[in-house]
Amino acid sequence: MSGELLSRITIEAGKCGGKSCIRGKRMRVSDVLELLGAGATFEEILSDYSFLEREDILAAITYAAQQTDHVVLKSV
């Protein structure tokens, strides 16, 4: 299912500074995450941004989780 969700995340040169967006819209993944972090509910976000779907919010969360799950190498 995460592959399906992640297909909703797009990155286009010249749109939102090349940042990850939701389905080619001018809504960045970070915008959705900031709304959630500020305490907005899924219902509030979907009401305020009628072009978004519940799966878009889940895609933003999934994308963010994958971005933080990588190996960090330390030099000694």
Protein backbone atom coordinates (compact mmCIF):
# COMPACT_ATOMS: atom_id res chain seq x y z
CA MET A 1 0.00 0.00 0.00
CA SER A 2 2.86 2.45 0.65
CA GLY A 3 3.81 2.34 -3.05
CA GLU A 4 0.28 3.41 -3.94
CA LEU A 5 0.39 6.20 -1.39
CA LEU A 6 3.84 7.36 -2.45
CA SER A 7 2.69 7.69 -6.06
CA ARG A 8 0.71 10.70 -4.80
CA ILE A 9 3.95 12.52 -3.99
CA THR A 10 5.44 14.46 -6.90
CA ILE A 11 8.55 16.54 -7.35
CA GLU A 12 8.65 18.95 -10.27
CA ALA A 13 11.34 21.47 -11.12
CA GLY A 14 9.89 24.95 -10.95
CA LYS A 15 6.96 24.01 -8.71
CA CYS A 16 7.24 24.89 -5.03
CA GLY A 17 11.00 25.20 -5.37
CA GLY A 18 11.35 21.58 -6.43
CA LYS A 19 10.02 20.38 -3.07
CA SER A 20 7.85 17.29 -2.67
CA CYS A 21 4.19 18.09 -3.34
CA ILE A 22 0.86 16.35 -3.24
CA ARG A 23 -0.32 15.10 -6.67
CA GLY A 24 1.31 17.95 -8.59
CA LYS A 25 -0.65 20.56 -6.65
CA ARG A 26 1.01 23.52 -5.01
CA MET A 27 0.66 21.88 -1.61
CA ARG A 28 3.97 20.69 -0.22
CA VAL A 29 4.33 17.59 1.91
CA SER A 30 5.86 19.85 4.56
CA ASP A 31 2.70 22.04 4.53
CA VAL A 32 0.55 19.02 5.37
CA LEU A 33 2.98 17.89 8.06
CA GLU A 34 3.08 21.36 9.62
CA LEU A 35 -0.72 21.44 9.77
CA LEU A 36 -0.76 18.06 11.51
CA GLY A 37 2.03 19.16 13.85
CA ALA A 38 0.02 22.24 14.79
CA GLY A 39 -2.84 19.98 15.85
CA ALA A 40 -5.10 20.13 12.80
CA THR A 41 -7.20 17.03 12.33
CA PHE A 42 -7.57 15.18 9.04
CA GLU A 43 -11.12 16.51 8.85
CA GLU A 44 -10.01 20.13 9.32
CA ILE A 45 -7.32 19.83 6.67
CA LEU A 46 -9.69 18.21 4.20
CA SER A 47 -12.28 20.89 4.86
CA ASP A 48 -9.81 23.75 4.43
CA TYR A 49 -8.15 22.26 1.33
CA SER A 50 -10.97 20.70 -0.66
CA PHE A 51 -8.62 19.39 -3.36
CA LEU A 52 -6.92 17.09 -0.85
CA GLU A 53 -8.01 13.54 -0.11
CA ARG A 54 -7.47 11.48 3.03
CA GLU A 55 -4.94 9.35 1.13
CA ASP A 56 -2.92 12.51 0.38
CA ILE A 57 -2.43 13.12 4.09
CA LEU A 58 -1.46 9.49 4.63
CA ALA A 59 0.96 9.77 1.70
CA ALA A 60 2.62 12.83 3.27
CA ILE A 61 3.11 10.96 6.54
CA THR A 62 4.43 7.86 4.77
CA TYR A 63 6.81 9.93 2.65
CA ALA A 64 8.15 11.75 5.71
CA ALA A 65 8.66 8.46 7.55
CA GLN A 66 10.66 7.04 4.66
CA GLN A 67 12.78 10.18 4.40
CA THR A 68 13.87 9.84 8.01
CA ASP A 69 14.62 6.12 7.74
CA HIS A 70 18.09 6.12 6.27
CA VAL A 71 21.55 5.17 7.40
CA VAL A 72 23.70 7.97 8.79
CA LEU A 73 27.42 7.43 8.49
CA LYS A 74 29.78 9.03 10.98
CA SER A 75 33.38 9.78 10.25
CA VAL A 76 35.86 8.81 12.92
